[in-house]
């Protein structure tokens, strides 16, 4: 079974550069790539929440399609894009527990926004983490 590379993104410029790095490394190593976009649900009201969730996911898909057409088309790697609700660190930890990961790629700004959570994450997973300093 091929070990994947997991790269988180919020489509900020820093996370796009981290994703570019993960793509290049995935291509060099012949690894599959999982691109993970996470978000949190914070609105009240169930009907409003469903609409808000749909809008967030549609916007993420649009951003991914734009990124995909520029960086992923016809480069010869297998990849998948996942959108999940939850804290970034929790979603990473879940993927690390349930998937054979070679390593995780994340940009430094995503780590620094959630420093305590990421310190705990790194202590609790047995997967190397590559933090891209852009």
N, C-alpha and C. Protein backbone atom coordinates (compact mmCIF):
# COMPACT_ATOMS: atom_id res chain seq x y z
N UNK A 1 0.85 -1.18 0.00
CA UNK A 1 0.00 0.00 0.00
C UNK A 1 0.89 1.24 0.00
N UNK A 2 0.60 2.18 -0.89
CA UNK A 2 1.37 3.41 -0.99
C UNK A 2 1.07 4.32 0.19
N UNK A 3 2.13 4.87 0.76
CA UNK A 3 1.93 5.85 1.82
C UNK A 3 1.71 7.21 1.20
N UNK A 4 0.67 7.87 1.66
CA UNK A 4 0.30 9.17 1.13
C UNK A 4 1.03 10.30 1.83
N UNK A 5 0.99 11.43 1.16
CA UNK A 5 1.38 12.70 1.77
C UNK A 5 0.08 13.43 2.04
N UNK A 6 -0.07 13.95 3.23
CA UNK A 6 -1.24 14.75 3.59
C UNK A 6 -0.80 16.19 3.68
N UNK A 7 -1.47 17.07 2.95
CA UNK A 7 -1.15 18.50 2.99
C UNK A 7 -2.43 19.27 3.32
N UNK A 8 -2.36 20.06 4.37
CA UNK A 8 -3.51 20.89 4.72
C UNK A 8 -3.43 22.21 3.98
N UNK A 9 -4.59 22.77 3.70
CA UNK A 9 -4.63 24.06 3.03
C UNK A 9 -5.83 24.86 3.49
N UNK A 10 -5.66 26.17 3.49
CA UNK A 10 -6.79 27.08 3.65
C UNK A 10 -6.84 28.00 2.43
N UNK A 11 -6.01 27.71 1.44
CA UNK A 11 -5.86 28.45 0.20
C UNK A 11 -5.28 29.84 0.38
N UNK A 12 -4.66 30.09 1.54
CA UNK A 12 -3.89 31.31 1.70
C UNK A 12 -2.63 31.17 0.84
N UNK A 13 -1.92 32.25 0.61
CA UNK A 13 -0.71 32.17 -0.21
C UNK A 13 0.32 31.23 0.42
N UNK A 14 0.47 31.29 1.75
CA UNK A 14 1.44 30.41 2.42
C UNK A 14 1.05 28.95 2.27
N UNK A 15 -0.22 28.63 2.43
CA UNK A 15 -0.61 27.22 2.32
C UNK A 15 -0.57 26.75 0.86
N UNK A 16 -0.77 27.65 -0.09
CA UNK A 16 -0.60 27.26 -1.50
C UNK A 16 0.86 26.91 -1.78
N UNK A 17 1.79 27.66 -1.22
CA UNK A 17 3.21 27.34 -1.42
C UNK A 17 3.56 26.01 -0.77
N UNK A 18 3.00 25.76 0.40
CA UNK A 18 3.22 24.45 1.04
C UNK A 18 2.65 23.34 0.17
N UNK A 19 1.51 23.58 -0.41
CA UNK A 19 0.89 22.59 -1.29
C UNK A 19 1.73 22.37 -2.55
N UNK A 20 2.29 23.42 -3.10
CA UNK A 20 3.18 23.28 -4.25
C UNK A 20 4.38 22.41 -3.89
N UNK A 21 4.93 22.61 -2.69
CA UNK A 21 6.06 21.81 -2.23
C UNK A 21 5.63 20.34 -2.11
N UNK A 22 4.47 20.11 -1.54
CA UNK A 22 3.97 18.74 -1.37
C UNK A 22 3.74 18.07 -2.73
N UNK A 23 3.27 18.82 -3.69
CA UNK A 23 3.06 18.27 -5.04
C UNK A 23 4.39 17.87 -5.66
N UNK A 24 5.36 18.75 -5.58
CA UNK A 24 6.68 18.44 -6.14
C UNK A 24 7.28 17.20 -5.49
N UNK A 25 7.18 17.13 -4.16
CA UNK A 25 7.76 15.99 -3.45
C UNK A 25 6.99 14.71 -3.77
N UNK A 26 5.67 14.81 -3.86
CA UNK A 26 4.85 13.65 -4.21
C UNK A 26 5.24 13.11 -5.58
N UNK A 27 5.48 14.02 -6.50
CA UNK A 27 5.88 13.61 -7.85
C UNK A 27 7.24 12.92 -7.83
N UNK A 28 8.19 13.49 -7.10
CA UNK A 28 9.54 12.91 -7.01
C UNK A 28 9.52 11.53 -6.36
N UNK A 29 8.73 11.37 -5.32
CA UNK A 29 8.72 10.14 -4.55
C UNK A 29 7.69 9.11 -5.02
N UNK A 30 6.81 9.50 -5.91
CA UNK A 30 5.77 8.57 -6.38
C UNK A 30 4.70 8.32 -5.34
N UNK A 31 4.49 9.27 -4.46
CA UNK A 31 3.47 9.14 -3.42
C UNK A 31 2.16 9.77 -3.88
N UNK A 32 1.07 9.24 -3.37
CA UNK A 32 -0.23 9.87 -3.59
C UNK A 32 -0.32 11.08 -2.66
N UNK A 33 -1.20 12.00 -2.99
CA UNK A 33 -1.35 13.23 -2.23
C UNK A 33 -2.79 13.43 -1.82
N UNK A 34 -3.00 13.67 -0.55
CA UNK A 34 -4.32 14.05 -0.05
C UNK A 34 -4.25 15.51 0.36
N UNK A 35 -5.14 16.30 -0.19
CA UNK A 35 -5.21 17.73 0.10
C UNK A 35 -6.42 17.93 1.00
N UNK A 36 -6.18 18.47 2.18
CA UNK A 36 -7.22 18.56 3.20
C UNK A 36 -7.56 20.01 3.50
N UNK A 37 -8.81 20.36 3.29
CA UNK A 37 -9.33 21.67 3.65
C UNK A 37 -10.29 21.47 4.81
N UNK A 38 -10.04 22.16 5.91
CA UNK A 38 -10.93 22.03 7.06
C UNK A 38 -11.55 23.38 7.40
N UNK A 39 -12.69 23.31 8.01
CA UNK A 39 -13.35 24.52 8.49
C UNK A 39 -14.20 24.17 9.69
N UNK A 40 -14.54 25.20 10.44
CA UNK A 40 -15.37 25.01 11.63
C UNK A 40 -16.74 25.62 11.41
N UNK A 41 -17.74 24.96 11.96
CA UNK A 41 -19.10 25.49 11.92
C UNK A 41 -19.33 26.31 13.18
N UNK A 42 -19.61 27.58 13.01
CA UNK A 42 -19.77 28.44 14.18
C UNK A 42 -21.07 29.23 14.18
N UNK A 43 -21.89 29.08 13.18
CA UNK A 43 -23.16 29.82 13.13
C UNK A 43 -24.24 29.08 13.89
N UNK A 44 -25.22 29.85 14.36
CA UNK A 44 -26.38 29.27 15.05
C UNK A 44 -27.56 29.18 14.10
N UNK A 45 -28.45 28.27 14.37
CA UNK A 45 -29.65 28.12 13.55
C UNK A 45 -29.45 27.07 12.49
N UNK A 46 -30.22 25.99 12.53
CA UNK A 46 -29.97 24.84 11.66
C UNK A 46 -30.17 25.15 10.19
N UNK A 47 -31.24 25.86 9.81
CA UNK A 47 -31.46 26.14 8.39
C UNK A 47 -30.37 27.05 7.85
N UNK A 48 -30.01 28.06 8.62
CA UNK A 48 -28.94 28.98 8.24
C UNK A 48 -27.61 28.24 8.18
N UNK A 49 -27.41 27.32 9.10
CA UNK A 49 -26.17 26.57 9.17
C UNK A 49 -25.96 25.69 7.94
N UNK A 50 -27.00 25.05 7.47
CA UNK A 50 -26.91 24.19 6.29
C UNK A 50 -26.51 25.02 5.07
N UNK A 51 -27.12 26.17 4.91
CA UNK A 51 -26.79 27.05 3.79
C UNK A 51 -25.37 27.57 3.90
N UNK A 52 -24.97 27.95 5.09
CA UNK A 52 -23.61 28.46 5.33
C UNK A 52 -22.58 27.38 5.03
N UNK A 53 -22.84 26.14 5.50
CA UNK A 53 -21.94 25.01 5.25
C UNK A 53 -21.81 24.76 3.75
N UNK A 54 -22.91 24.78 3.04
CA UNK A 54 -22.90 24.57 1.60
C UNK A 54 -22.07 25.64 0.90
N UNK A 55 -22.23 26.90 1.31
CA UNK A 55 -21.47 27.99 0.71
C UNK A 55 -19.97 27.86 0.96
N UNK A 56 -19.59 27.49 2.16
CA UNK A 56 -18.18 27.30 2.49
C UNK A 56 -17.58 26.20 1.60
N UNK A 57 -18.28 25.10 1.49
CA UNK A 57 -17.77 23.97 0.71
C UNK A 57 -17.73 24.29 -0.79
N UNK A 58 -18.71 25.02 -1.29
CA UNK A 58 -18.68 25.41 -2.70
C UNK A 58 -17.52 26.36 -2.98
N UNK A 59 -17.26 27.29 -2.07
CA UNK A 59 -16.14 28.21 -2.24
C UNK A 59 -14.81 27.46 -2.20
N UNK A 60 -14.68 26.51 -1.30
CA UNK A 60 -13.45 25.70 -1.22
C UNK A 60 -13.26 24.90 -2.50
N UNK A 61 -14.32 24.34 -3.04
CA UNK A 61 -14.22 23.58 -4.30
C UNK A 61 -13.78 24.48 -5.45
N UNK A 62 -14.32 25.70 -5.51
CA UNK A 62 -13.92 26.64 -6.56
C UNK A 62 -12.43 26.98 -6.44
N UNK A 63 -11.97 27.22 -5.23
CA UNK A 63 -10.56 27.53 -5.02
C UNK A 63 -9.69 26.34 -5.41
N UNK A 64 -10.15 25.14 -5.06
CA UNK A 64 -9.38 23.95 -5.42
C UNK A 64 -9.33 23.77 -6.93
N UNK A 65 -10.44 23.95 -7.61
CA UNK A 65 -10.47 23.79 -9.07
C UNK A 65 -9.50 24.76 -9.73
N UNK A 66 -9.46 26.00 -9.25
CA UNK A 66 -8.52 26.98 -9.80
C UNK A 66 -7.08 26.54 -9.54
N UNK A 67 -6.81 26.07 -8.33
CA UNK A 67 -5.47 25.59 -8.00
C UNK A 67 -5.13 24.35 -8.83
N UNK A 68 -6.07 23.44 -8.93
CA UNK A 68 -5.88 22.19 -9.67
C UNK A 68 -5.52 22.46 -11.13
N UNK A 69 -6.24 23.38 -11.76
CA UNK A 69 -5.98 23.63 -13.18
C UNK A 69 -4.60 24.22 -13.40
N UNK A 70 -4.08 24.92 -12.42
CA UNK A 70 -2.76 25.54 -12.56
C UNK A 70 -1.61 24.60 -12.17
N UNK A 71 -1.80 23.76 -11.16
CA UNK A 71 -0.69 23.00 -10.59
C UNK A 71 -0.80 21.47 -10.67
N UNK A 72 -1.99 20.93 -10.86
CA UNK A 72 -2.13 19.48 -10.74
C UNK A 72 -2.47 18.75 -12.04
N UNK A 73 -2.98 19.44 -13.02
CA UNK A 73 -3.38 18.77 -14.25
C UNK A 73 -2.18 18.16 -14.96
N UNK A 74 -2.32 16.89 -15.30
CA UNK A 74 -1.36 16.17 -16.12
C UNK A 74 0.08 16.17 -15.59
N UNK A 75 0.24 16.05 -14.27
CA UNK A 75 1.61 15.97 -13.73
C UNK A 75 1.96 14.56 -13.29
N UNK A 76 1.01 13.65 -13.39
CA UNK A 76 1.32 12.25 -13.14
C UNK A 76 1.26 11.77 -11.70
N UNK A 77 0.53 12.45 -10.84
CA UNK A 77 0.37 11.95 -9.47
C UNK A 77 -1.11 11.73 -9.19
N UNK A 78 -1.37 10.81 -8.28
CA UNK A 78 -2.73 10.59 -7.80
C UNK A 78 -2.95 11.56 -6.65
N UNK A 79 -4.11 12.18 -6.65
CA UNK A 79 -4.42 13.10 -5.57
C UNK A 79 -5.92 13.09 -5.32
N UNK A 80 -6.27 13.52 -4.12
CA UNK A 80 -7.67 13.70 -3.79
C UNK A 80 -7.80 14.94 -2.92
N UNK A 81 -8.94 15.59 -3.02
CA UNK A 81 -9.24 16.79 -2.27
C UNK A 81 -10.37 16.46 -1.32
N UNK A 82 -10.15 16.72 -0.02
CA UNK A 82 -11.15 16.44 0.99
C UNK A 82 -11.51 17.72 1.73
N UNK A 83 -12.79 17.88 1.98
CA UNK A 83 -13.28 18.99 2.78
C UNK A 83 -13.90 18.37 4.02
N UNK A 84 -13.43 18.82 5.20
CA UNK A 84 -13.93 18.25 6.44
C UNK A 84 -14.20 19.33 7.46
N UNK A 85 -15.20 19.10 8.28
CA UNK A 85 -15.55 20.01 9.36
C UNK A 85 -14.74 19.63 10.60
N UNK A 86 -14.14 20.61 11.24
CA UNK A 86 -13.43 20.36 12.49
C UNK A 86 -12.17 21.19 12.61
N UNK A 87 -11.50 21.03 13.71
CA UNK A 87 -10.23 21.69 13.93
C UNK A 87 -9.17 21.03 13.04
N UNK A 88 -8.27 21.82 12.50
CA UNK A 88 -7.24 21.30 11.60
C UNK A 88 -6.46 20.17 12.27
N UNK A 89 -5.98 20.40 13.48
CA UNK A 89 -5.16 19.39 14.16
C UNK A 89 -5.94 18.10 14.39
N UNK A 90 -7.21 18.21 14.75
CA UNK A 90 -8.03 17.01 14.97
C UNK A 90 -8.21 16.22 13.68
N UNK A 91 -8.43 16.92 12.58
CA UNK A 91 -8.62 16.24 11.29
C UNK A 91 -7.32 15.58 10.83
N UNK A 92 -6.19 16.26 11.07
CA UNK A 92 -4.88 15.67 10.73
C UNK A 92 -4.66 14.41 11.55
N UNK A 93 -4.91 14.51 12.85
CA UNK A 93 -4.71 13.35 13.72
C UNK A 93 -5.58 12.18 13.28
N UNK A 94 -6.81 12.44 12.90
CA UNK A 94 -7.70 11.38 12.43
C UNK A 94 -7.13 10.72 11.17
N UNK A 95 -6.65 11.54 10.23
CA UNK A 95 -6.05 10.97 9.01
C UNK A 95 -4.81 10.16 9.33
N UNK A 96 -4.00 10.64 10.25
CA UNK A 96 -2.78 9.92 10.62
C UNK A 96 -3.09 8.56 11.24
N UNK A 97 -4.18 8.49 12.00
CA UNK A 97 -4.57 7.23 12.64
C UNK A 97 -5.19 6.25 11.66
N UNK A 98 -5.87 6.77 10.63
CA UNK A 98 -6.67 5.91 9.75
C UNK A 98 -6.12 5.71 8.35
N UNK A 99 -4.97 6.30 8.04
CA UNK A 99 -4.41 6.19 6.70
C UNK A 99 -2.89 6.01 6.79
N UNK A 100 -2.34 5.25 5.85
CA UNK A 100 -0.88 5.10 5.86
C UNK A 100 -0.23 6.37 5.29
N UNK A 101 0.27 7.22 6.17
CA UNK A 101 0.86 8.49 5.75
C UNK A 101 2.38 8.42 5.79
N UNK A 102 2.98 8.93 4.75
CA UNK A 102 4.44 9.07 4.71
C UNK A 102 4.86 10.26 5.56
N UNK A 103 4.18 11.39 5.34
CA UNK A 103 4.35 12.55 6.20
C UNK A 103 3.26 13.57 5.93
N UNK A 104 3.22 14.59 6.77
CA UNK A 104 2.24 15.66 6.71
C UNK A 104 2.97 16.94 6.35
N UNK A 105 2.38 17.72 5.46
CA UNK A 105 2.94 19.01 5.07
C UNK A 105 1.96 20.10 5.48
N UNK A 106 2.50 21.11 6.14
CA UNK A 106 1.67 22.21 6.60
C UNK A 106 2.50 23.49 6.57
N UNK A 107 1.87 24.61 6.32
CA UNK A 107 2.65 25.86 6.34
C UNK A 107 2.73 26.40 7.77
N UNK A 108 3.80 27.13 8.03
CA UNK A 108 4.08 27.61 9.38
C UNK A 108 2.96 28.50 9.93
N UNK A 109 2.32 29.30 9.08
CA UNK A 109 1.28 30.19 9.60
C UNK A 109 0.09 29.40 10.15
N UNK A 110 -0.22 28.26 9.56
CA UNK A 110 -1.31 27.43 10.10
C UNK A 110 -0.91 26.86 11.46
N UNK A 111 0.37 26.54 11.62
CA UNK A 111 0.85 26.03 12.91
C UNK A 111 0.83 27.11 13.97
N UNK A 112 1.30 28.31 13.62
CA UNK A 112 1.41 29.36 14.62
C UNK A 112 0.06 29.89 15.07
N UNK A 113 -0.95 29.82 14.22
CA UNK A 113 -2.30 30.26 14.63
C UNK A 113 -2.88 29.32 15.67
N UNK A 114 -2.43 28.10 15.70
CA UNK A 114 -2.96 27.08 16.61
C UNK A 114 -1.83 26.37 17.34
N UNK A 115 -0.86 27.13 17.86
CA UNK A 115 0.37 26.56 18.40
C UNK A 115 0.16 25.45 19.42
N UNK A 116 -0.65 25.70 20.43
CA UNK A 116 -0.87 24.69 21.48
C UNK A 116 -1.44 23.41 20.89
N UNK A 117 -2.41 23.56 20.03
CA UNK A 117 -3.04 22.40 19.41
C UNK A 117 -2.05 21.62 18.57
N UNK A 118 -1.20 22.32 17.82
CA UNK A 118 -0.24 21.63 16.97
C UNK A 118 0.89 21.00 17.77
N UNK A 119 1.27 21.61 18.89
CA UNK A 119 2.26 20.98 19.76
C UNK A 119 1.72 19.64 20.26
N UNK A 120 0.45 19.62 20.67
CA UNK A 120 -0.18 18.37 21.11
C UNK A 120 -0.26 17.36 19.96
N UNK A 121 -0.62 17.84 18.79
CA UNK A 121 -0.72 16.96 17.63
C UNK A 121 0.61 16.26 17.35
N UNK A 122 1.67 17.03 17.31
CA UNK A 122 2.98 16.46 16.99
C UNK A 122 3.42 15.44 18.03
N UNK A 123 3.03 15.66 19.27
CA UNK A 123 3.36 14.69 20.32
C UNK A 123 2.55 13.40 20.18
N UNK A 124 1.36 13.48 19.58
CA UNK A 124 0.45 12.34 19.57
C UNK A 124 0.42 11.53 18.27
N UNK A 125 1.12 11.96 17.25
CA UNK A 125 1.11 11.18 16.01
C UNK A 125 2.51 10.64 15.75
N UNK A 126 2.55 9.56 15.03
CA UNK A 126 3.83 8.93 14.69
C UNK A 126 4.10 9.08 13.20
N UNK A 127 3.92 10.29 12.70
CA UNK A 127 4.14 10.60 11.30
C UNK A 127 5.01 11.85 11.25
N UNK A 128 6.05 11.85 10.42
CA UNK A 128 6.85 13.08 10.30
C UNK A 128 6.01 14.25 9.78
N UNK A 129 6.30 15.42 10.28
CA UNK A 129 5.60 16.64 9.87
C UNK A 129 6.62 17.57 9.24
N UNK A 130 6.32 18.02 8.03
CA UNK A 130 7.16 18.99 7.32
C UNK A 130 6.44 20.33 7.41
N UNK A 131 7.08 21.29 8.07
CA UNK A 131 6.50 22.62 8.18
C UNK A 131 7.21 23.52 7.20
N UNK A 132 6.45 24.06 6.25
CA UNK A 132 7.01 24.92 5.22
C UNK A 132 7.05 26.34 5.75
N UNK A 133 8.23 26.97 5.75
CA UNK A 133 8.40 28.25 6.42
C UNK A 133 8.01 29.49 5.62
N UNK A 134 7.31 29.36 4.52
CA UNK A 134 6.98 30.54 3.70
C UNK A 134 5.96 31.41 4.38
